[in-house]
Amino acid sequence: MSPGYIWTEVLDRGADGDREKWEPIWGRYCPMERCAEPYEVASAIAFLASGGGPFVTGADLAVDGGLTSMSPDGLSAYEFRPRALSSTPTSTSGTSIALLPVARGRGQGGSRRHRARPGQEP
């Protein structure tokens, strides 16, 4: 289970109790535009522990409101791609260079430690 931002007492203390101020700021980095409530993560845990998910195994369930689907800049892949392609730089030879989004996060190949070194099998 990989939870995203969850509004708990600890997060509330870190935000000095000002949820109205901080949640919209943190929400820019999550497609749901808000933090999860503890019961929302608990519901996913209850599903896995119940008879509803008896054959779910070896999977990382992201309960993050879409956080891991975002680009490093906090834009979704959908928003990121048109923006990058609309301002596509060109090389001196006139060939277009496309900047495409890179998946980041656990299990999505964004970490260097998971990349194969030259000459090694992935």
N, C-alpha and C. Protein backbone atom coordinates (compact mmCIF):
# COMPACT_ATOMS: atom_id res chain seq x y z
N MET A 1 0.86 -1.17 0.00
CA MET A 1 0.00 0.00 0.00
C MET A 1 0.90 1.23 0.00
N SER A 2 0.64 2.13 -0.92
CA SER A 2 1.39 3.38 -1.00
C SER A 2 0.43 4.55 -0.91
N PRO A 3 0.24 5.07 0.30
CA PRO A 3 -0.65 6.21 0.45
C PRO A 3 0.04 7.50 0.03
N GLY A 4 -0.77 8.46 -0.37
CA GLY A 4 -0.25 9.79 -0.68
C GLY A 4 -0.39 10.68 0.55
N TYR A 5 -0.68 11.95 0.32
CA TYR A 5 -0.87 12.88 1.43
C TYR A 5 -2.18 12.55 2.13
N ILE A 6 -2.10 12.35 3.44
CA ILE A 6 -3.28 12.05 4.25
C ILE A 6 -3.37 13.13 5.33
N TRP A 7 -4.54 13.75 5.43
CA TRP A 7 -4.70 14.80 6.44
C TRP A 7 -4.90 14.15 7.80
N THR A 8 -3.83 14.06 8.55
CA THR A 8 -3.85 13.48 9.88
C THR A 8 -3.49 14.57 10.89
N GLU A 9 -3.47 14.21 12.16
CA GLU A 9 -3.07 15.16 13.19
C GLU A 9 -1.65 15.65 12.98
N VAL A 10 -0.77 14.76 12.53
CA VAL A 10 0.63 15.14 12.29
C VAL A 10 0.71 16.18 11.18
N LEU A 11 0.00 15.95 10.08
CA LEU A 11 0.00 16.91 8.97
C LEU A 11 -0.65 18.22 9.40
N ASP A 12 -1.70 18.12 10.20
CA ASP A 12 -2.38 19.31 10.69
C ASP A 12 -1.44 20.16 11.54
N ARG A 13 -0.64 19.51 12.38
CA ARG A 13 0.34 20.26 13.19
C ARG A 13 1.39 20.91 12.29
N GLY A 14 1.84 20.20 11.26
CA GLY A 14 2.82 20.76 10.33
C GLY A 14 2.28 21.95 9.56
N ALA A 15 0.97 22.00 9.39
CA ALA A 15 0.32 23.11 8.69
C ALA A 15 -0.19 24.15 9.66
N ASP A 16 0.22 24.06 10.91
CA ASP A 16 -0.22 24.97 11.96
C ASP A 16 -1.74 25.06 12.04
N GLY A 17 -2.41 23.93 11.75
CA GLY A 17 -3.86 23.87 11.84
C GLY A 17 -4.60 24.64 10.75
N ASP A 18 -3.88 25.12 9.75
CA ASP A 18 -4.49 25.94 8.71
C ASP A 18 -4.69 25.12 7.42
N ARG A 19 -5.68 24.26 7.45
CA ARG A 19 -5.96 23.39 6.30
C ARG A 19 -6.40 24.20 5.08
N GLU A 20 -7.19 25.23 5.29
CA GLU A 20 -7.67 26.05 4.18
C GLU A 20 -6.53 26.69 3.41
N LYS A 21 -5.44 27.00 4.08
CA LYS A 21 -4.28 27.61 3.42
C LYS A 21 -3.45 26.56 2.69
N TRP A 22 -3.13 25.46 3.36
CA TRP A 22 -2.14 24.52 2.84
C TRP A 22 -2.69 23.46 1.89
N GLU A 23 -3.91 23.02 2.08
CA GLU A 23 -4.41 21.95 1.21
C GLU A 23 -4.47 22.37 -0.26
N PRO A 24 -4.89 23.57 -0.61
CA PRO A 24 -4.85 23.96 -2.03
C PRO A 24 -3.42 24.00 -2.60
N ILE A 25 -2.46 24.35 -1.78
CA ILE A 25 -1.06 24.38 -2.23
C ILE A 25 -0.58 22.97 -2.49
N TRP A 26 -0.78 22.06 -1.54
CA TRP A 26 -0.37 20.67 -1.73
C TRP A 26 -1.21 20.00 -2.81
N GLY A 27 -2.45 20.45 -2.95
CA GLY A 27 -3.36 19.87 -3.94
C GLY A 27 -2.93 20.09 -5.38
N ARG A 28 -2.07 21.08 -5.62
CA ARG A 28 -1.57 21.31 -6.98
C ARG A 28 -0.75 20.13 -7.48
N TYR A 29 -0.27 19.31 -6.57
CA TYR A 29 0.57 18.17 -6.94
C TYR A 29 -0.20 16.86 -6.92
N CYS A 30 -1.51 16.94 -6.93
CA CYS A 30 -2.35 15.75 -6.88
C CYS A 30 -3.60 15.99 -7.73
N PRO A 31 -3.92 15.07 -8.65
CA PRO A 31 -5.11 15.27 -9.48
C PRO A 31 -6.41 15.44 -8.70
N MET A 32 -6.51 14.86 -7.52
CA MET A 32 -7.73 15.02 -6.71
C MET A 32 -7.78 16.39 -6.04
N GLU A 33 -6.67 17.12 -6.09
CA GLU A 33 -6.56 18.48 -5.56
C GLU A 33 -6.86 18.60 -4.07
N ARG A 34 -6.56 17.54 -3.33
CA ARG A 34 -6.77 17.57 -1.89
C ARG A 34 -6.00 16.43 -1.25
N CYS A 35 -5.92 16.45 0.06
CA CYS A 35 -5.33 15.35 0.81
C CYS A 35 -6.41 14.31 1.09
N ALA A 36 -5.98 13.09 1.27
CA ALA A 36 -6.92 12.02 1.61
C ALA A 36 -7.34 12.15 3.06
N GLU A 37 -8.51 11.66 3.34
CA GLU A 37 -8.96 11.52 4.72
C GLU A 37 -8.50 10.14 5.19
N PRO A 38 -8.20 9.98 6.47
CA PRO A 38 -7.76 8.66 6.96
C PRO A 38 -8.72 7.53 6.60
N TYR A 39 -10.03 7.78 6.61
CA TYR A 39 -10.98 6.71 6.31
C TYR A 39 -10.85 6.22 4.87
N GLU A 40 -10.38 7.09 3.96
CA GLU A 40 -10.24 6.68 2.56
C GLU A 40 -9.11 5.66 2.39
N VAL A 41 -8.05 5.84 3.13
CA VAL A 41 -6.95 4.86 3.09
C VAL A 41 -7.37 3.61 3.85
N ALA A 42 -8.08 3.79 4.96
CA ALA A 42 -8.57 2.65 5.73
C ALA A 42 -9.52 1.79 4.90
N SER A 43 -10.30 2.41 4.03
CA SER A 43 -11.21 1.65 3.17
C SER A 43 -10.45 0.73 2.22
N ALA A 44 -9.33 1.21 1.69
CA ALA A 44 -8.51 0.38 0.80
C ALA A 44 -7.89 -0.77 1.57
N ILE A 45 -7.45 -0.50 2.79
CA ILE A 45 -6.87 -1.56 3.63
C ILE A 45 -7.94 -2.59 3.97
N ALA A 46 -9.15 -2.11 4.30
CA ALA A 46 -10.25 -3.03 4.62
C ALA A 46 -10.60 -3.91 3.43
N PHE A 47 -10.56 -3.34 2.22
CA PHE A 47 -10.83 -4.12 1.02
C PHE A 47 -9.82 -5.25 0.88
N LEU A 48 -8.54 -4.94 1.05
CA LEU A 48 -7.51 -5.97 0.91
C LEU A 48 -7.61 -7.03 1.99
N ALA A 49 -8.02 -6.63 3.19
CA ALA A 49 -8.12 -7.57 4.31
C ALA A 49 -9.42 -8.38 4.27
N SER A 50 -10.39 -7.92 3.50
CA SER A 50 -11.68 -8.60 3.45
C SER A 50 -11.68 -9.68 2.38
N GLY A 51 -12.83 -10.25 2.17
CA GLY A 51 -12.99 -11.23 1.12
C GLY A 51 -13.02 -10.60 -0.27
N GLY A 52 -13.01 -9.27 -0.34
CA GLY A 52 -13.08 -8.58 -1.62
C GLY A 52 -11.81 -8.66 -2.46
N GLY A 53 -10.69 -8.91 -1.83
CA GLY A 53 -9.43 -8.97 -2.58
C GLY A 53 -8.62 -10.21 -2.26
N PRO A 54 -9.24 -11.40 -2.30
CA PRO A 54 -8.52 -12.60 -1.87
C PRO A 54 -7.36 -13.02 -2.78
N PHE A 55 -7.37 -12.58 -4.02
CA PHE A 55 -6.33 -13.03 -4.93
C PHE A 55 -5.38 -11.89 -5.32
N VAL A 56 -5.49 -10.77 -4.61
CA VAL A 56 -4.58 -9.64 -4.85
C VAL A 56 -3.30 -9.94 -4.11
N THR A 57 -2.22 -10.06 -4.86
CA THR A 57 -0.93 -10.35 -4.24
C THR A 57 0.19 -9.76 -5.10
N GLY A 58 1.25 -9.35 -4.47
CA GLY A 58 2.40 -8.81 -5.20
C GLY A 58 2.12 -7.50 -5.90
N ALA A 59 1.10 -6.79 -5.47
CA ALA A 59 0.75 -5.51 -6.10
C ALA A 59 0.91 -4.39 -5.10
N ASP A 60 1.31 -3.25 -5.59
CA ASP A 60 1.41 -2.05 -4.76
C ASP A 60 0.20 -1.19 -5.08
N LEU A 61 -0.73 -1.12 -4.16
CA LEU A 61 -1.95 -0.35 -4.36
C LEU A 61 -1.67 1.10 -3.99
N ALA A 62 -1.69 1.97 -4.97
CA ALA A 62 -1.46 3.40 -4.73
C ALA A 62 -2.79 4.04 -4.32
N VAL A 63 -2.84 4.49 -3.10
CA VAL A 63 -4.02 5.20 -2.58
C VAL A 63 -3.55 6.63 -2.37
N ASP A 64 -3.32 7.31 -3.49
CA ASP A 64 -2.67 8.61 -3.43
C ASP A 64 -3.38 9.71 -4.22
N GLY A 65 -4.61 9.45 -4.64
CA GLY A 65 -5.36 10.46 -5.38
C GLY A 65 -4.74 10.81 -6.72
N GLY A 66 -3.90 9.94 -7.25
CA GLY A 66 -3.26 10.18 -8.54
C GLY A 66 -1.89 10.82 -8.45
N LEU A 67 -1.36 10.96 -7.24
CA LEU A 67 -0.07 11.62 -7.04
C LEU A 67 1.04 11.02 -7.89
N THR A 68 1.11 9.69 -7.97
CA THR A 68 2.19 9.05 -8.72
C THR A 68 2.00 9.17 -10.23
N SER A 69 0.86 9.68 -10.67
CA SER A 69 0.66 9.88 -12.11
C SER A 69 1.13 11.26 -12.56
N MET A 70 1.64 12.05 -11.65
CA MET A 70 2.04 13.41 -11.96
C MET A 70 3.49 13.47 -12.43
N SER A 71 3.81 14.52 -13.16
CA SER A 71 5.18 14.77 -13.58
C SER A 71 5.94 15.41 -12.41
N PRO A 72 7.26 15.55 -12.53
CA PRO A 72 8.03 16.18 -11.45
C PRO A 72 7.58 17.61 -11.15
N ASP A 73 6.99 18.30 -12.12
CA ASP A 73 6.56 19.68 -11.91
C ASP A 73 5.16 19.78 -11.33
N GLY A 74 4.51 18.65 -11.08
CA GLY A 74 3.17 18.67 -10.55
C GLY A 74 2.10 18.73 -11.61
N LEU A 75 2.46 18.49 -12.86
CA LEU A 75 1.49 18.48 -13.94
C LEU A 75 1.21 17.05 -14.33
N SER A 76 -0.01 16.78 -14.71
CA SER A 76 -0.32 15.43 -15.18
C SER A 76 0.37 15.20 -16.52
N ALA A 77 0.53 13.96 -16.90
CA ALA A 77 1.17 13.65 -18.18
C ALA A 77 0.39 14.29 -19.32
N TYR A 78 -0.93 14.37 -19.18
CA TYR A 78 -1.77 14.99 -20.22
C TYR A 78 -1.44 16.47 -20.36
N GLU A 79 -1.31 17.17 -19.23
CA GLU A 79 -1.00 18.60 -19.27
C GLU A 79 0.45 18.84 -19.68
N PHE A 80 1.33 17.96 -19.23
CA PHE A 80 2.77 18.14 -19.43
C PHE A 80 3.16 18.00 -20.89
N ARG A 81 2.62 17.01 -21.57
CA ARG A 81 3.00 16.73 -22.97
C ARG A 81 2.64 17.90 -23.90
N PRO A 82 1.40 18.37 -23.95
CA PRO A 82 1.10 19.47 -24.88
C PRO A 82 1.93 20.71 -24.59
N ARG A 83 2.17 20.98 -23.32
CA ARG A 83 2.96 22.15 -22.95
C ARG A 83 4.38 22.02 -23.50
N ALA A 84 4.96 20.84 -23.34
CA ALA A 84 6.33 20.63 -23.80
C ALA A 84 6.39 20.68 -25.33
N LEU A 85 5.41 20.08 -25.99
CA LEU A 85 5.45 20.04 -27.45
C LEU A 85 5.09 21.38 -28.08
N SER A 86 4.30 22.20 -27.38
CA SER A 86 3.93 23.48 -27.95
C SER A 86 5.10 24.45 -27.97
N SER A 87 6.06 24.25 -27.09
CA SER A 87 7.24 25.11 -27.07
C SER A 87 8.47 24.28 -27.39
N THR A 88 8.35 23.45 -28.42
CA THR A 88 9.41 22.53 -28.79
C THR A 88 10.62 23.26 -29.34
N PRO A 89 11.77 23.11 -28.67
CA PRO A 89 12.98 23.73 -29.21
C PRO A 89 13.47 22.93 -30.41
N THR A 90 14.23 23.55 -31.27
CA THR A 90 14.81 22.83 -32.40
C THR A 90 16.32 22.88 -32.30
N SER A 91 16.94 21.84 -32.79
CA SER A 91 18.40 21.80 -32.79
C SER A 91 18.91 22.61 -33.97
N THR A 92 20.22 22.74 -34.08
CA THR A 92 20.81 23.52 -35.17
C THR A 92 20.55 22.87 -36.52
N SER A 93 20.29 21.57 -36.54
CA SER A 93 20.02 20.90 -37.82
C SER A 93 18.55 21.01 -38.22
N GLY A 94 17.73 21.65 -37.39
CA GLY A 94 16.33 21.81 -37.71
C GLY A 94 15.45 20.66 -37.25
N THR A 95 16.03 19.66 -36.60
CA THR A 95 15.27 18.53 -36.10
C THR A 95 14.58 18.91 -34.80
N SER A 96 13.29 18.61 -34.71
CA SER A 96 12.55 18.92 -33.49
C SER A 96 12.98 18.02 -32.34
N ILE A 97 12.97 18.59 -31.16
CA ILE A 97 13.28 17.84 -29.95
C ILE A 97 12.03 17.83 -29.10
N ALA A 98 11.48 16.67 -28.82
CA ALA A 98 10.26 16.57 -28.01
C ALA A 98 10.63 16.24 -26.58
N LEU A 99 10.09 16.99 -25.64
CA LEU A 99 10.28 16.72 -24.23
C LEU A 99 9.05 15.98 -23.74
N LEU A 100 9.21 14.75 -23.33
CA LEU A 100 8.08 13.93 -22.91
C LEU A 100 8.12 13.70 -21.41
N PRO A 101 6.97 13.47 -20.78
CA PRO A 101 6.94 13.25 -19.34
C PRO A 101 7.63 11.95 -18.96
N VAL A 102 8.19 11.95 -17.77
CA VAL A 102 8.85 10.76 -17.23
C VAL A 102 8.08 10.34 -16.00
N ALA A 103 7.69 9.08 -15.93
CA ALA A 103 6.97 8.58 -14.75
C ALA A 103 7.92 8.56 -13.57
N ARG A 104 7.46 9.03 -12.47
CA ARG A 104 8.25 9.03 -11.24
C ARG A 104 7.45 8.29 -10.17
N GLY A 105 8.14 7.76 -9.23
CA GLY A 105 7.46 7.12 -8.12
C GLY A 105 7.80 5.66 -8.01
N ARG A 106 7.36 5.10 -6.96
CA ARG A 106 7.66 3.71 -6.64
C ARG A 106 7.13 2.78 -7.73
N GLY A 107 7.98 1.92 -8.24
CA GLY A 107 7.57 0.91 -9.19
C GLY A 107 7.36 1.40 -10.61
N GLN A 108 7.73 2.64 -10.90
CA GLN A 108 7.50 3.17 -12.24
C GLN A 108 8.80 3.45 -12.99
N GLY A 109 9.92 2.98 -12.49
CA GLY A 109 11.18 3.13 -13.20
C GLY A 109 11.80 4.50 -13.11
N GLY A 110 11.32 5.35 -12.23
CA GLY A 110 11.86 6.69 -12.13
C GLY A 110 13.11 6.79 -11.29
N SER A 111 13.46 5.75 -10.60
CA SER A 111 14.61 5.79 -9.71
C SER A 111 15.86 5.29 -10.41
N ARG A 112 16.98 5.95 -10.19
CA ARG A 112 18.23 5.55 -10.81
C ARG A 112 18.67 4.16 -10.38
N ARG A 113 18.40 3.80 -9.15
CA ARG A 113 18.88 2.50 -8.66
C ARG A 113 18.25 1.33 -9.41
N HIS A 114 17.16 1.58 -10.13
CA HIS A 114 16.50 0.51 -10.87
C HIS A 114 16.92 0.46 -12.33
N ARG A 115 17.71 1.42 -12.76
CA ARG A 115 18.12 1.44 -14.15
C ARG A 115 19.33 0.54 -14.35
N ALA A 116 19.35 -0.14 -15.47
CA ALA A 116 20.49 -1.00 -15.79
C ALA A 116 21.68 -0.15 -16.20
N ARG A 117 22.85 -0.57 -15.82
CA ARG A 117 24.07 0.11 -16.24
C ARG A 117 24.38 -0.30 -17.67
N PRO A 118 25.15 0.51 -18.40
CA PRO A 118 25.50 0.12 -19.77
C PRO A 118 26.13 -1.26 -19.80
N GLY A 119 25.66 -2.10 -20.71
CA GLY A 119 26.19 -3.45 -20.84
C GLY A 119 25.50 -4.47 -19.97
N GLN A 120 24.57 -4.02 -19.10
CA GLN A 120 23.84 -4.94 -18.23
C GLN A 120 22.42 -5.11 -18.75
N GLU A 121 21.87 -6.26 -18.46
CA GLU A 121 20.46 -6.51 -18.79
C GLU A 121 19.60 -5.75 -17.79
N PRO A 122 18.46 -5.22 -18.23
CA PRO A 122 17.57 -4.52 -17.29
C PRO A 122 16.96 -5.45 -16.27
